[in-house]
């Protein structure tokens, strides 16, 4: 899988946001509400760019509460 330059820059921004959030957590043992938004943005970026999808049950319904898998692949079996 190849990422475009724009996608790499988006991940770089998210990575730096994540570093700052973790630093705040360790130093202050607190979390800013804006950090929650940044974490949600990172999750969305990863979902969209890396094509993560929810597993589906036997009836084809999405199981958003389960671990997600790569698009186009079968569910990951528990080891």
PDB file of N, CA and C in Angstrom:
ATOM      1  N   UNK A   1       0.844  -1.173   0.000  1.00  0.00           N
ATOM      2  CA  UNK A   1       0.000   0.000   0.000  1.00  0.00           C
ATOM      3  C   UNK A   1       0.887   1.233   0.000  1.00  0.00           C
ATOM      4  N   UNK A   2       0.573   2.144  -0.866  1.00  0.00           N
ATOM      5  CA  UNK A   2       1.315   3.391  -0.933  1.00  0.00           C
ATOM      6  C   UNK A   2       0.448   4.541  -0.466  1.00  0.00           C
ATOM      7  N   UNK A   3       1.056   5.428   0.290  1.00  0.00           N
ATOM      8  CA  UNK A   3       0.362   6.627   0.755  1.00  0.00           C
ATOM      9  C   UNK A   3       0.815   7.812  -0.083  1.00  0.00           C
ATOM     10  N   UNK A   4      -0.115   8.718  -0.327  1.00  0.00           N
ATOM     11  CA  UNK A   4       0.249   9.944  -1.025  1.00  0.00           C
ATOM     12  C   UNK A   4       0.993  10.864  -0.064  1.00  0.00           C
ATOM     13  N   UNK A   5       1.623  11.875  -0.616  1.00  0.00           N
ATOM     14  CA  UNK A   5       2.332  12.856   0.215  1.00  0.00           C
ATOM     15  C   UNK A   5       1.348  13.549   1.164  1.00  0.00           C
ATOM     16  N   UNK A   6       0.163  13.862   0.664  1.00  0.00           N
ATOM     17  CA  UNK A   6      -0.853  14.523   1.486  1.00  0.00           C
ATOM     18  C   UNK A   6      -1.288  13.622   2.644  1.00  0.00           C
ATOM     19  N   UNK A   7      -1.445  12.326   2.374  1.00  0.00           N
ATOM     20  CA  UNK A   7      -1.815  11.387   3.433  1.00  0.00           C
ATOM     21  C   UNK A   7      -0.701  11.281   4.475  1.00  0.00           C
ATOM     22  N   UNK A   8       0.531  11.246   4.017  1.00  0.00           N
ATOM     23  CA  UNK A   8       1.665  11.196   4.952  1.00  0.00           C
ATOM     24  C   UNK A   8       1.694  12.438   5.836  1.00  0.00           C
ATOM     25  N   UNK A   9       1.430  13.599   5.245  1.00  0.00           N
ATOM     26  CA  UNK A   9       1.392  14.841   6.024  1.00  0.00           C
ATOM     27  C   UNK A   9       0.255  14.810   7.032  1.00  0.00           C
ATOM     28  N   UNK A  10      -0.888  14.244   6.654  1.00  0.00           N
ATOM     29  CA  UNK A  10      -2.020  14.125   7.567  1.00  0.00           C
ATOM     30  C   UNK A  10      -1.656  13.215   8.747  1.00  0.00           C
ATOM     31  N   UNK A  11      -0.980  12.092   8.460  1.00  0.00           N
ATOM     32  CA  UNK A  11      -0.534  11.206   9.528  1.00  0.00           C
ATOM     33  C   UNK A  11       0.524  11.879  10.399  1.00  0.00           C
ATOM     34  N   UNK A  12       1.408  12.651   9.803  1.00  0.00           N
ATOM     35  CA  UNK A  12       2.427  13.360  10.576  1.00  0.00           C
ATOM     36  C   UNK A  12       1.778  14.336  11.548  1.00  0.00           C
ATOM     37  N   UNK A  13       0.773  15.080  11.091  1.00  0.00           N
ATOM     38  CA  UNK A  13       0.066  15.998  11.984  1.00  0.00           C
ATOM     39  C   UNK A  13      -0.594  15.217  13.113  1.00  0.00           C
ATOM     40  N   UNK A  14      -1.259  14.125  12.775  1.00  0.00           N
ATOM     41  CA  UNK A  14      -1.909  13.306  13.788  1.00  0.00           C
ATOM     42  C   UNK A  14      -0.903  12.714  14.763  1.00  0.00           C
ATOM     43  N   UNK A  15       0.238  12.281  14.249  1.00  0.00           N
ATOM     44  CA  UNK A  15       1.287  11.721  15.105  1.00  0.00           C
ATOM     45  C   UNK A  15       1.777  12.759  16.106  1.00  0.00           C
ATOM     46  N   UNK A  16       2.004  13.969  15.643  1.00  0.00           N
ATOM     47  CA  UNK A  16       2.468  15.030  16.543  1.00  0.00           C
ATOM     48  C   UNK A  16       1.388  15.394  17.560  1.00  0.00           C
ATOM     49  N   UNK A  17       0.126  15.401  17.138  1.00  0.00           N
ATOM     50  CA  UNK A  17      -0.972  15.623  18.087  1.00  0.00           C
ATOM     51  C   UNK A  17      -0.985  14.524  19.144  1.00  0.00           C
ATOM     52  N   UNK A  18      -0.835  13.278  18.709  1.00  0.00           N
ATOM     53  CA  UNK A  18      -0.821  12.154  19.636  1.00  0.00           C
ATOM     54  C   UNK A  18       0.339  12.263  20.626  1.00  0.00           C
ATOM     55  N   UNK A  19       1.507  12.632  20.163  1.00  0.00           N
ATOM     56  CA  UNK A  19       2.657  12.823  21.055  1.00  0.00           C
ATOM     57  C   UNK A  19       2.358  13.881  22.116  1.00  0.00           C
ATOM     58  N   UNK A  20       1.758  14.988  21.688  1.00  0.00           N
ATOM     59  CA  UNK A  20       1.442  16.064  22.628  1.00  0.00           C
ATOM     60  C   UNK A  20       0.384  15.622  23.645  1.00  0.00           C
ATOM     61  N   UNK A  21      -0.609  14.893  23.191  1.00  0.00           N
ATOM     62  CA  UNK A  21      -1.656  14.399  24.089  1.00  0.00           C
ATOM     63  C   UNK A  21      -1.048  13.472  25.133  1.00  0.00           C
ATOM     64  N   UNK A  22      -0.217  12.524  24.690  1.00  0.00           N
ATOM     65  CA  UNK A  22       0.416  11.594  25.620  1.00  0.00           C
ATOM     66  C   UNK A  22       1.331  12.312  26.606  1.00  0.00           C
ATOM     67  N   UNK A  23       2.032  13.318  26.138  1.00  0.00           N
ATOM     68  CA  UNK A  23       2.895  14.094  27.033  1.00  0.00           C
ATOM     69  C   UNK A  23       2.062  14.788  28.107  1.00  0.00           C
ATOM     70  N   UNK A  24       0.941  15.375  27.717  1.00  0.00           N
ATOM     71  CA  UNK A  24       0.053  16.020  28.688  1.00  0.00           C
ATOM     72  C   UNK A  24      -0.469  15.005  29.703  1.00  0.00           C
ATOM     73  N   UNK A  25      -0.883  13.835  29.195  1.00  0.00           N
ATOM     74  CA  UNK A  25      -1.381  12.793  30.099  1.00  0.00           C
ATOM     75  C   UNK A  25      -0.334  12.398  31.134  1.00  0.00           C
ATOM     76  N   UNK A  26       0.896  12.207  30.697  1.00  0.00           N
ATOM     77  CA  UNK A  26       1.948  11.791  31.625  1.00  0.00           C
ATOM     78  C   UNK A  26       2.324  12.900  32.599  1.00  0.00           C
ATOM     79  N   UNK A  27       2.406  14.122  32.110  1.00  0.00           N
ATOM     80  CA  UNK A  27       2.850  15.223  32.962  1.00  0.00           C
ATOM     81  C   UNK A  27       1.761  15.691  33.923  1.00  0.00           C
ATOM     82  N   UNK A  28       0.549  15.813  33.430  1.00  0.00           N
ATOM     83  CA  UNK A  28      -0.532  16.399  34.232  1.00  0.00           C
ATOM     84  C   UNK A  28      -1.521  15.373  34.758  1.00  0.00           C
ATOM     85  N   UNK A  29      -1.473  14.195  34.216  1.00  0.00           N
ATOM     86  CA  UNK A  29      -2.471  13.174  34.508  1.00  0.00           C
ATOM     87  C   UNK A  29      -3.869  13.758  34.331  1.00  0.00           C
ATOM     88  N   UNK A  30      -4.012  14.451  33.212  1.00  0.00           N
ATOM     89  CA  UNK A  30      -5.278  15.081  32.864  1.00  0.00           C
ATOM     90  C   UNK A  30      -5.412  15.045  31.348  1.00  0.00           C
ATOM     91  N   UNK A  31      -6.625  15.249  30.867  1.00  0.00           N
ATOM     92  CA  UNK A  31      -6.892  15.213  29.438  1.00  0.00           C
ATOM     93  C   UNK A  31      -7.786  16.385  29.075  1.00  0.00           C
ATOM     94  N   UNK A  32      -7.385  17.133  28.065  1.00  0.00           N
ATOM     95  CA  UNK A  32      -8.182  18.248  27.580  1.00  0.00           C
ATOM     96  C   UNK A  32      -9.274  17.721  26.660  1.00  0.00           C
ATOM     97  N   UNK A  33     -10.427  18.358  26.662  1.00  0.00           N
ATOM     98  CA  UNK A  33     -11.512  17.946  25.776  1.00  0.00           C
ATOM     99  C   UNK A  33     -11.087  18.073  24.313  1.00  0.00           C
ATOM    100  N   UNK A  34     -10.277  19.053  23.993  1.00  0.00           N
ATOM    101  CA  UNK A  34      -9.793  19.206  22.615  1.00  0.00           C
ATOM    102  C   UNK A  34      -8.911  18.021  22.219  1.00  0.00           C
ATOM    103  N   UNK A  35      -8.238  17.407  23.205  1.00  0.00           N
ATOM    104  CA  UNK A  35      -7.438  16.218  22.915  1.00  0.00           C
ATOM    105  C   UNK A  35      -8.323  15.045  22.513  1.00  0.00           C
ATOM    106  N   UNK A  36      -9.498  14.940  23.114  1.00  0.00           N
ATOM    107  CA  UNK A  36     -10.430  13.889  22.724  1.00  0.00           C
ATOM    108  C   UNK A  36     -10.829  14.038  21.255  1.00  0.00           C
ATOM    109  N   UNK A  37     -11.067  15.269  20.840  1.00  0.00           N
ATOM    110  CA  UNK A  37     -11.406  15.525  19.436  1.00  0.00           C
ATOM    111  C   UNK A  37     -10.257  15.119  18.532  1.00  0.00           C
ATOM    112  N   UNK A  38      -9.023  15.454  18.934  1.00  0.00           N
ATOM    113  CA  UNK A  38      -7.855  15.090  18.129  1.00  0.00           C
ATOM    114  C   UNK A  38      -7.704  13.575  18.036  1.00  0.00           C
ATOM    115  N   UNK A  39      -7.961  12.861  19.132  1.00  0.00           N
ATOM    116  CA  UNK A  39      -7.890  11.401  19.105  1.00  0.00           C
ATOM    117  C   UNK A  39      -8.952  10.825  18.172  1.00  0.00           C
ATOM    118  N   UNK A  40     -10.139  11.395  18.210  1.00  0.00           N
ATOM    119  CA  UNK A  40     -11.209  10.949  17.320  1.00  0.00           C
ATOM    120  C   UNK A  40     -10.858  11.232  15.863  1.00  0.00           C
ATOM    121  N   UNK A  41     -10.232  12.385  15.601  1.00  0.00           N
ATOM    122  CA  UNK A  41      -9.783  12.710  14.242  1.00  0.00           C
ATOM    123  C   UNK A  41      -8.738  11.703  13.762  1.00  0.00           C
ATOM    124  N   UNK A  42      -7.813  11.309  14.644  1.00  0.00           N
ATOM    125  CA  UNK A  42      -6.802  10.324  14.282  1.00  0.00           C
ATOM    126  C   UNK A  42      -7.459   8.984  13.958  1.00  0.00           C
ATOM    127  N   UNK A  43      -8.419   8.574  14.767  1.00  0.00           N
ATOM    128  CA  UNK A  43      -9.137   7.325  14.507  1.00  0.00           C
ATOM    129  C   UNK A  43      -9.816   7.386  13.133  1.00  0.00           C
ATOM    130  N   UNK A  44     -10.439   8.503  12.828  1.00  0.00           N
ATOM    131  CA  UNK A  44     -11.119   8.666  11.546  1.00  0.00           C
ATOM    132  C   UNK A  44     -10.125   8.636  10.385  1.00  0.00           C
ATOM    133  N   UNK A  45      -8.992   9.282  10.542  1.00  0.00           N
ATOM    134  CA  UNK A  45      -7.957   9.284   9.505  1.00  0.00           C
ATOM    135  C   UNK A  45      -7.467   7.867   9.234  1.00  0.00           C
ATOM    136  N   UNK A  46      -7.214   7.116  10.292  1.00  0.00           N
ATOM    137  CA  UNK A  46      -6.742   5.747  10.136  1.00  0.00           C
ATOM    138  C   UNK A  46      -7.813   4.883   9.467  1.00  0.00           C
ATOM    139  N   UNK A  47      -9.048   5.021   9.897  1.00  0.00           N
ATOM    140  CA  UNK A  47     -10.172   4.255   9.333  1.00  0.00           C
ATOM    141  C   UNK A  47     -10.299   4.520   7.835  1.00  0.00           C
ATOM    142  N   UNK A  48     -10.265   5.778   7.461  1.00  0.00           N
ATOM    143  CA  UNK A  48     -10.475   6.171   6.072  1.00  0.00           C
ATOM    144  C   UNK A  48      -9.280   5.805   5.190  1.00  0.00           C
ATOM    145  N   UNK A  49      -8.090   6.161   5.612  1.00  0.00           N
ATOM    146  CA  UNK A  49      -6.903   5.988   4.778  1.00  0.00           C
ATOM    147  C   UNK A  49      -6.447   4.534   4.703  1.00  0.00           C
ATOM    148  N   UNK A  50      -6.488   3.837   5.822  1.00  0.00           N
ATOM    149  CA  UNK A  50      -5.984   2.469   5.873  1.00  0.00           C
ATOM    150  C   UNK A  50      -7.074   1.432   5.614  1.00  0.00           C
ATOM    151  N   UNK A  51      -8.299   1.921   5.357  1.00  0.00           N
ATOM    152  CA  UNK A  51      -9.433   1.066   4.997  1.00  0.00           C
ATOM    153  C   UNK A  51      -9.730   0.002   6.057  1.00  0.00           C
ATOM    154  N   UNK A  52      -9.925   0.470   7.290  1.00  0.00           N
ATOM    155  CA  UNK A  52     -10.366  -0.398   8.375  1.00  0.00           C
ATOM    156  C   UNK A  52     -11.891  -0.432   8.355  1.00  0.00           C
ATOM    157  N   UNK A  53     -12.469  -1.605   8.579  1.00  0.00           N
ATOM    158  CA  UNK A  53     -13.927  -1.751   8.576  1.00  0.00           C
ATOM    159  C   UNK A  53     -14.353  -2.599   9.771  1.00  0.00           C
ATOM    160  N   UNK A  54     -15.590  -2.420  10.238  1.00  0.00           N
ATOM    161  CA  UNK A  54     -16.065  -3.266  11.333  1.00  0.00           C
ATOM    162  C   UNK A  54     -16.303  -4.685  10.826  1.00  0.00           C
ATOM    163  N   UNK A  55     -16.151  -5.643  11.735  1.00  0.00           N
ATOM    164  CA  UNK A  55     -16.506  -7.017  11.402  1.00  0.00           C
ATOM    165  C   UNK A  55     -18.016  -7.088  11.226  1.00  0.00           C
ATOM    166  N   UNK A  56     -18.483  -8.123  10.558  1.00  0.00           N
ATOM    167  CA  UNK A  56     -19.922  -8.312  10.391  1.00  0.00           C
ATOM    168  C   UNK A  56     -20.342  -9.641  11.003  1.00  0.00           C
ATOM    169  N   UNK A  57     -21.583  -9.689  11.455  1.00  0.00           N
ATOM    170  CA  UNK A  57     -22.099 -10.940  12.011  1.00  0.00           C
ATOM    171  C   UNK A  57     -22.591 -11.832  10.875  1.00  0.00           C
ATOM    172  N   UNK A  58     -23.157 -12.964  11.216  1.00  0.00           N
ATOM    173  CA  UNK A  58     -23.609 -13.927  10.214  1.00  0.00           C
ATOM    174  C   UNK A  58     -24.704 -13.375   9.304  1.00  0.00           C
ATOM    175  N   UNK A  59     -25.414 -12.351   9.776  1.00  0.00           N
ATOM    176  CA  UNK A  59     -26.468 -11.735   8.975  1.00  0.00           C
ATOM    177  C   UNK A  59     -25.977 -10.524   8.193  1.00  0.00           C
ATOM    178  N   UNK A  60     -24.664 -10.243   8.256  1.00  0.00           N
ATOM    179  CA  UNK A  60     -24.093  -9.120   7.511  1.00  0.00           C
ATOM    180  C   UNK A  60     -24.191  -7.776   8.199  1.00  0.00           C
ATOM    181  N   UNK A  61     -24.606  -7.763   9.470  1.00  0.00           N
ATOM    182  CA  UNK A  61     -24.711  -6.505  10.220  1.00  0.00           C
ATOM    183  C   UNK A  61     -23.353  -6.148  10.809  1.00  0.00           C
ATOM    184  N   UNK A  62     -23.021  -4.871  10.770  1.00  0.00           N
ATOM    185  CA  UNK A  62     -21.752  -4.395  11.326  1.00  0.00           C
ATOM    186  C   UNK A  62     -21.716  -4.553  12.831  1.00  0.00           C
ATOM    187  N   UNK A  63     -20.578  -5.019  13.333  1.00  0.00           N
ATOM    188  CA  UNK A  63     -20.372  -5.157  14.780  1.00  0.00           C
ATOM    189  C   UNK A  63     -19.325  -4.117  15.193  1.00  0.00           C
ATOM    190  N   UNK A  64     -19.763  -2.871  15.348  1.00  0.00           N
ATOM    191  CA  UNK A  64     -18.851  -1.773  15.643  1.00  0.00           C
ATOM    192  C   UNK A  64     -18.140  -1.933  16.982  1.00  0.00           C
ATOM    193  N   UNK A  65     -18.696  -2.729  17.885  1.00  0.00           N
ATOM    194  CA  UNK A  65     -18.116  -2.930  19.207  1.00  0.00           C
ATOM    195  C   UNK A  65     -16.961  -3.926  19.180  1.00  0.00           C
ATOM    196  N   UNK A  66     -16.818  -4.693  18.099  1.00  0.00           N
ATOM    197  CA  UNK A  66     -15.730  -5.673  17.976  1.00  0.00           C
ATOM    198  C   UNK A  66     -14.501  -5.010  17.373  1.00  0.00           C
ATOM    199  N   UNK A  67     -13.365  -5.713  17.453  1.00  0.00           N
ATOM    200  CA  UNK A  67     -12.168  -5.222  16.780  1.00  0.00           C
ATOM    201  C   UNK A  67     -12.449  -5.089  15.290  1.00  0.00           C
ATOM    202  N   UNK A  68     -11.938  -4.042  14.680  1.00  0.00           N
ATOM    203  CA  UNK A  68     -12.134  -3.843  13.252  1.00  0.00           C
ATOM    204  C   UNK A  68     -11.084  -4.636  12.494  1.00  0.00           C
ATOM    205  N   UNK A  69     -11.320  -4.833  11.209  1.00  0.00           N
ATOM    206  CA  UNK A  69     -10.442  -5.629  10.353  1.00  0.00           C
ATOM    207  C   UNK A  69     -10.120  -4.832   9.095  1.00  0.00           C
ATOM    208  N   UNK A  70      -9.216  -5.376   8.292  1.00  0.00           N
ATOM    209  CA  UNK A  70      -8.891  -4.741   7.023  1.00  0.00           C
ATOM    210  C   UNK A  70     -10.010  -5.005   6.025  1.00  0.00           C
ATOM    211  N   UNK A  71     -10.365  -3.993   5.248  1.00  0.00           N
ATOM    212  CA  UNK A  71     -11.406  -4.156   4.236  1.00  0.00           C
ATOM    213  C   UNK A  71     -10.999  -5.263   3.273  1.00  0.00           C
ATOM    214  N   UNK A  72     -11.953  -6.120   2.929  1.00  0.00           N
ATOM    215  CA  UNK A  72     -11.681  -7.181   1.985  1.00  0.00           C
ATOM    216  C   UNK A  72     -11.119  -8.445   2.581  1.00  0.00           C
ATOM    217  N   UNK A  73     -10.913  -8.469   3.891  1.00  0.00           N
ATOM    218  CA  UNK A  73     -10.391  -9.665   4.536  1.00  0.00           C
ATOM    219  C   UNK A  73     -11.437 -10.228   5.491  1.00  0.00           C
ATOM    220  N   UNK A  74     -11.344 -11.511   5.733  1.00  0.00           N
ATOM    221  CA  UNK A  74     -12.247 -12.171   6.681  1.00  0.00           C
ATOM    222  C   UNK A  74     -11.953 -11.697   8.086  1.00  0.00           C
ATOM    223  N   UNK A  75     -12.897 -11.979   8.993  1.00  0.00           N
ATOM    224  CA  UNK A  75     -12.714 -11.620  10.406  1.00  0.00           C
ATOM    225  C   UNK A  75     -11.442 -12.251  10.943  1.00  0.00           C
ATOM    226  N   UNK A  76     -10.804 -11.565  11.851  1.00  0.00           N
ATOM    227  CA  UNK A  76      -9.611 -12.088  12.506  1.00  0.00           C
ATOM    228  C   UNK A  76     -10.062 -13.031  13.610  1.00  0.00           C
ATOM    229  N   UNK A  77      -9.615 -14.256  13.546  1.00  0.00           N
ATOM    230  CA  UNK A  77      -9.964 -15.235  14.574  1.00  0.00           C
ATOM    231  C   UNK A  77      -9.145 -14.991  15.836  1.00  0.00           C
ATOM    232  N   UNK A  78      -9.762 -15.171  16.985  1.00  0.00           N
ATOM    233  CA  UNK A  78      -9.029 -15.058  18.247  1.00  0.00           C
ATOM    234  C   UNK A  78      -7.997 -16.156  18.315  1.00  0.00           C
ATOM    235  N   UNK A  79      -6.798 -15.807  18.758  1.00  0.00           N
ATOM    236  CA  UNK A  79      -5.713 -16.806  18.859  1.00  0.00           C
ATOM    237  C   UNK A  79      -5.860 -17.626  20.120  1.00  0.00           C
TER     238      UNK A  79
END
